[in-house]
Amino acid sequence: MKIGLITPEPEHPLLADTTALLTPEHEVEALDPVSLGDVPLPLADVYLLKSRTPHALGLARYLERRGAPVVNTAAATALCQDRTEMAGLALRAGLPFAATRTVGALGVWAREARPSAPLVVKSRLSRRGDLVALADDAARLRELAGSWPQEPVVVQEYAPNNGWDHKLWAIGDQVFSALRRSELSPGGRGPTHPLAADELPAGWADLVRRVGMVFALDVYGVDIIDTGGGTPLIVDVNAFPGIRGQAGAPEALAALALHRAAAAARP
């Protein structure tokens, strides 16, 4: 089979390890959505979309129109970039997602805002280097606005927690997990510590799989905080995250790619 990688970084550890597993029996071709001219023919049996740029999404949509399966779809990937749409879908589906309010440009909103409780301020558009910060009071909010005056943002009430994010990732039905000190904690983002499946609170793995069904995702990440006693609060959903350092992740991705290609080939 032929597997296409839509990414400017085919050397990413997850993709590189997956490619190494596939190449003894299959062809793997990387497509840089920025520098690519014509799409190589014949089309691959399946494409893995490991990029969220406009060029990558445009390429994925073109391939989908040609009938090629893309993991994740362009539509599902784009949805996860818009935190307003993400929160709306999650809450309508009954997922325990943080209540999210869209307030527009941060500079304009911060001039009038008088927060009565700590707020988490996030760029509406999820991307590398975006804004994710805790505003304890109006002074901190104005400080953020000074640095990001034109940034469209969403706000969430800060949910007290132990300062650690549960990073959960899914490839198909297989769930991987780790603990990472939150970037909102006083010490800032810390190292990532892998968690065994039996170390997760009861029901969390099934919750992650439900997120995948709601968002129509095959490879994705779910950020959860424990608000006390194992009660989960979802604060973010990501399409095709890095999933670094997780034993078995490349094997799961290789198996998923071949499964999706085989399913697409059936009459």
Protein backbone atom coordinates (compact mmCIF):
# COMPACT_ATOMS: atom_id res chain seq x y z
CA MET A 1 0.00 0.00 0.00
CA LYS A 2 0.97 3.64 -0.42
CA ILE A 3 0.69 5.98 2.57
CA GLY A 4 1.00 9.75 2.17
CA LEU A 5 2.12 12.07 4.96
CA ILE A 6 0.81 15.64 4.71
CA THR A 7 3.42 17.46 6.75
CA PRO A 8 6.42 19.78 6.45
CA GLU A 9 8.14 17.69 9.15
CA PRO A 10 8.28 14.02 8.14
CA GLU A 11 11.20 13.62 10.56
CA HIS A 12 8.85 14.19 13.53
CA PRO A 13 9.53 11.23 15.89
CA LEU A 14 6.02 9.77 15.65
CA LEU A 15 5.96 9.98 11.86
CA ALA A 16 9.56 8.82 11.46
CA ASP A 17 9.01 5.77 13.68
CA THR A 18 5.73 4.96 11.92
CA THR A 19 7.45 5.25 8.53
CA ALA A 20 10.19 2.88 9.67
CA LEU A 21 7.55 0.30 10.59
CA LEU A 22 5.72 0.64 7.27
CA THR A 23 8.50 0.88 4.69
CA PRO A 24 9.62 -2.77 4.69
CA GLU A 25 6.34 -3.71 2.97
CA HIS A 26 4.70 -0.42 1.97
CA GLU A 27 5.52 2.89 0.29
CA VAL A 28 5.47 6.05 2.40
CA GLU A 29 5.57 9.45 0.69
CA ALA A 30 5.82 12.81 2.46
CA LEU A 31 4.02 15.79 0.93
CA ASP A 32 5.10 19.25 2.08
CA PRO A 33 1.91 21.31 1.63
CA VAL A 34 3.91 24.55 1.20
CA SER A 35 6.45 23.52 -1.43
CA LEU A 36 4.35 20.88 -3.19
CA GLY A 37 3.51 21.54 -6.81
CA ASP A 38 1.34 18.89 -8.42
CA VAL A 39 0.07 16.03 -6.27
CA PRO A 40 1.99 12.86 -7.20
CA LEU A 41 -0.10 10.27 -9.01
CA PRO A 42 -1.43 7.71 -8.50
CA LEU A 43 -2.96 8.87 -5.25
CA ALA A 44 -1.97 7.13 -2.03
CA ASP A 45 -4.28 4.60 -0.43
CA VAL A 46 -4.51 6.82 2.67
CA TYR A 47 -3.11 10.16 3.83
CA LEU A 48 -2.14 11.19 7.37
CA LEU A 49 -2.75 14.91 7.96
CA LYS A 50 -0.09 16.04 10.46
CA SER A 51 -0.39 19.79 9.87
CA ARG A 52 -2.99 22.47 10.52
CA THR A 53 -1.83 25.21 8.16
CA PRO A 54 -4.13 26.62 5.46
CA HIS A 55 -1.94 24.98 2.78
CA ALA A 56 -2.24 21.58 4.49
CA LEU A 57 -5.99 21.86 4.96
CA GLY A 58 -6.42 22.91 1.34
CA LEU A 59 -4.40 19.93 0.15
CA ALA A 60 -6.40 17.58 2.38
CA ARG A 61 -9.70 18.91 1.01
CA TYR A 62 -8.45 18.44 -2.56
CA LEU A 63 -7.47 14.83 -1.83
CA GLU A 64 -10.80 14.13 -0.17
CA ARG A 65 -12.63 15.48 -3.23
CA ARG A 66 -10.57 13.06 -5.31
CA GLY A 67 -11.84 10.22 -3.13
CA ALA A 68 -8.75 9.61 -0.98
CA PRO A 69 -9.21 8.87 2.75
CA VAL A 70 -7.49 11.44 4.98
CA VAL A 71 -6.78 10.93 8.71
CA ASN A 72 -7.99 13.20 10.26
CA THR A 73 -10.34 14.84 7.77
CA ALA A 74 -9.78 18.48 6.89
CA ALA A 75 -13.14 19.40 8.43
CA ALA A 76 -12.40 17.71 11.76
CA THR A 77 -8.91 19.23 11.87
CA ALA A 78 -10.21 22.74 11.15
CA LEU A 79 -12.91 22.43 13.80
CA CYS A 80 -10.31 21.77 16.49
CA GLN A 81 -8.53 25.00 15.59
CA ASP A 82 -11.50 27.18 16.51
CA ARG A 83 -11.93 27.13 20.28
CA THR A 84 -15.39 28.69 20.05
CA GLU A 85 -16.66 25.95 17.73
CA MET A 86 -14.81 23.30 19.73
CA ALA A 87 -16.44 24.27 23.01
CA GLY A 88 -19.87 24.61 21.42
CA LEU A 89 -19.79 21.13 19.94
CA ALA A 90 -18.44 19.55 23.12
CA LEU A 91 -21.01 21.17 25.37
CA ARG A 92 -23.91 20.35 23.02
CA ALA A 93 -22.76 16.73 23.11
CA GLY A 94 -22.80 16.72 26.91
CA LEU A 95 -19.05 16.40 27.34
CA PRO A 96 -17.56 17.84 30.57
CA PHE A 97 -15.91 20.73 28.73
CA ALA A 98 -14.93 24.02 30.31
CA ALA A 99 -17.58 26.71 29.79
CA THR A 100 -16.14 29.01 27.14
CA ARG A 101 -17.08 32.56 26.22
CA THR A 102 -15.95 34.37 23.06
CA VAL A 103 -15.18 38.04 23.72
CA GLY A 104 -13.50 39.28 20.52
CA ALA A 105 -10.29 41.34 20.39
CA LEU A 106 -8.51 41.19 23.75
CA GLY A 107 -7.51 44.87 23.75
CA VAL A 108 -11.09 46.06 23.33
CA TRP A 109 -12.63 43.63 25.82
CA ALA A 110 -9.98 44.15 28.52
CA ARG A 111 -10.73 47.90 28.71
CA GLU A 112 -14.20 47.18 30.06
CA ALA A 113 -13.79 43.78 31.73
CA ARG A 114 -13.90 43.55 35.53
CA PRO A 115 -13.28 39.87 36.27
CA SER A 116 -14.66 38.70 39.60
CA ALA A 117 -12.67 35.46 39.51
CA PRO A 118 -9.46 34.25 37.82
CA LEU A 119 -9.89 33.66 34.10
CA VAL A 120 -8.02 31.59 31.56
CA VAL A 121 -7.56 33.64 28.39
CA LYS A 122 -6.88 31.78 25.14
CA SER A 123 -6.50 32.70 21.49
CA ARG A 124 -9.67 31.77 19.66
CA LEU A 125 -7.53 30.21 16.91
CA SER A 126 -5.46 27.34 18.29
CA ARG A 127 -1.97 27.36 16.76
CA ARG A 128 1.70 27.10 17.65
CA GLY A 129 2.72 30.03 19.87
CA ASP A 130 -0.85 31.12 20.62
CA LEU A 131 -2.00 32.86 23.79
CA VAL A 132 -2.89 30.71 26.79
CA ALA A 133 -2.60 32.57 30.08
CA LEU A 134 -4.12 32.95 33.53
CA ALA A 135 -5.49 36.40 34.41
CA ASP A 136 -5.89 36.67 38.18
CA ASP A 137 -7.26 40.20 38.09
CA ALA A 138 -7.98 43.21 35.87
CA ALA A 139 -4.36 44.40 36.04
CA ARG A 140 -3.07 41.11 34.63
CA LEU A 141 -5.78 41.21 31.97
CA ARG A 142 -4.64 44.66 30.85
CA GLU A 143 -1.04 43.44 30.80
CA LEU A 144 -2.00 40.62 28.45
CA ALA A 145 -4.00 43.04 26.32
CA GLY A 146 -0.94 45.24 25.96
CA SER A 147 0.95 42.34 24.38
CA TRP A 148 -1.97 40.90 22.37
CA PRO A 149 -4.29 43.86 21.65
CA GLN A 150 -5.77 42.59 18.36
CA GLU A 151 -5.93 38.90 19.31
CA PRO A 152 -9.45 37.37 19.14
CA VAL A 153 -9.82 35.42 22.37
CA VAL A 154 -12.06 33.16 24.39
CA VAL A 155 -12.19 33.10 28.19
CA GLN A 156 -12.87 30.32 30.65
CA GLU A 157 -13.28 30.54 34.41
CA TYR A 158 -10.23 29.07 36.09
CA ALA A 159 -11.08 25.71 37.66
CA PRO A 160 -9.00 25.03 40.79
CA ASN A 161 -6.84 21.94 40.36
CA ASN A 162 -3.53 20.45 41.46
CA GLY A 163 -1.53 22.21 38.74
CA TRP A 164 -1.07 19.15 36.53
CA ASP A 165 -2.67 18.51 33.15
CA HIS A 166 -3.63 15.01 32.14
CA LYS A 167 -2.50 14.68 28.53
CA LEU A 168 -4.47 11.93 26.85
CA TRP A 169 -3.99 10.85 23.25
CA ALA A 170 -5.90 8.41 21.12
CA ILE A 171 -4.95 6.56 17.95
CA GLY A 172 -8.07 4.73 16.89
CA ASP A 173 -9.36 3.02 20.04
CA GLN A 174 -5.97 2.93 21.78
CA VAL A 175 -5.50 5.56 24.49
CA PHE A 176 -2.15 6.84 25.76
CA SER A 177 -1.66 9.16 28.72
CA ALA A 178 0.80 11.30 30.63
CA LEU A 179 0.95 13.97 33.32
CA ARG A 180 2.43 17.40 32.59
CA ARG A 181 2.68 20.38 34.90
CA SER A 182 0.32 22.99 33.54
CA GLU A 183 1.62 26.09 31.78
CA LEU A 184 -0.80 27.98 34.03
CA SER A 185 0.85 26.76 37.24
CA PRO A 186 3.20 29.11 39.15
CA GLY A 187 6.27 27.22 37.93
CA GLY A 188 5.12 27.13 34.30
CA ARG A 189 5.02 24.10 32.05
CA GLY A 190 7.00 21.18 33.37
CA PRO A 191 8.19 17.80 32.14
CA THR A 192 5.88 15.08 30.84
CA HIS A 193 5.56 11.87 32.86
CA PRO A 194 3.98 8.86 31.09
CA LEU A 195 1.05 7.21 32.85
CA ALA A 196 0.02 3.58 32.61
CA ALA A 197 -3.58 2.90 31.63
CA ASP A 198 -4.44 1.65 35.12
CA GLU A 199 -3.22 4.93 36.63
CA LEU A 200 -6.00 6.92 34.96
CA PRO A 201 -9.17 7.66 36.95
CA ALA A 202 -12.02 5.32 36.14
CA GLY A 203 -13.90 6.17 32.98
CA TRP A 204 -11.40 8.65 31.58
CA ALA A 205 -10.22 6.44 28.72
CA ASP A 206 -13.82 5.90 27.64
CA LEU A 207 -14.39 9.66 27.87
CA VAL A 208 -11.49 10.21 25.46
CA ARG A 209 -12.95 7.72 22.99
CA ARG A 210 -16.29 9.53 23.22
CA VAL A 211 -14.52 12.78 22.33
CA GLY A 212 -13.19 11.08 19.22
CA MET A 213 -16.69 10.04 18.20
CA VAL A 214 -18.15 13.50 18.79
CA PHE A 215 -15.37 15.28 16.88
CA ALA A 216 -15.00 12.59 14.17
CA LEU A 217 -11.30 12.21 14.95
CA ASP A 218 -9.05 9.16 14.60
CA VAL A 219 -5.79 10.62 15.94
CA TYR A 220 -6.23 13.27 18.61
CA GLY A 221 -5.35 14.64 22.02
CA VAL A 222 -7.58 15.61 24.93
CA ASP A 223 -6.33 17.82 27.77
CA ILE A 224 -8.11 17.11 31.05
CA ILE A 225 -7.71 18.54 34.52
CA ASP A 226 -8.86 16.78 37.69
CA THR A 227 -11.15 19.17 39.55
CA GLY A 228 -11.26 16.89 42.58
CA GLY A 229 -11.90 13.23 43.27
CA GLY A 230 -11.26 12.18 39.70
CA THR A 231 -13.89 14.56 38.27
CA PRO A 232 -12.68 15.43 34.75
CA LEU A 233 -12.86 18.79 33.03
CA ILE A 234 -11.84 18.89 29.38
CA VAL A 235 -9.98 22.09 28.49
CA ASP A 236 -8.75 21.37 24.97
CA VAL A 237 -8.99 18.95 22.03
CA ASN A 238 -6.21 18.68 19.44
CA ALA A 239 -6.19 17.01 16.04
CA PHE A 240 -3.14 14.79 15.39
CA PRO A 241 -0.82 15.95 18.20
CA GLY A 242 2.79 14.83 18.54
CA ILE A 243 2.26 11.92 20.98
CA ARG A 244 5.97 11.86 21.81
CA GLY A 245 7.55 9.21 23.98
CA GLN A 246 4.53 6.91 24.15
CA ALA A 247 5.43 3.26 23.77
CA GLY A 248 3.24 1.61 21.14
CA ALA A 249 2.08 4.84 19.49
CA PRO A 250 3.97 4.32 16.18
CA GLU A 251 2.67 0.76 15.98
CA ALA A 252 -0.89 1.97 16.60
CA LEU A 253 -0.57 4.66 13.93
CA ALA A 254 0.85 2.26 11.37
CA ALA A 255 -1.97 -0.21 12.05
CA LEU A 256 -4.59 2.56 11.79
CA ALA A 257 -3.21 3.79 8.47
CA LEU A 258 -3.29 0.31 6.96
CA HIS A 259 -6.77 -0.35 8.34
CA ARG A 260 -8.17 2.85 6.87
CA ALA A 261 -6.52 2.17 3.52
CA ALA A 262 -7.91 -1.36 3.40
CA ALA A 263 -11.38 -0.14 4.36
CA ALA A 264 -11.34 2.46 1.59
CA ALA A 265 -10.30 -0.15 -0.96
CA ARG A 266 -13.26 -2.45 -0.25
CA PRO A 267 -16.05 -2.26 -2.88
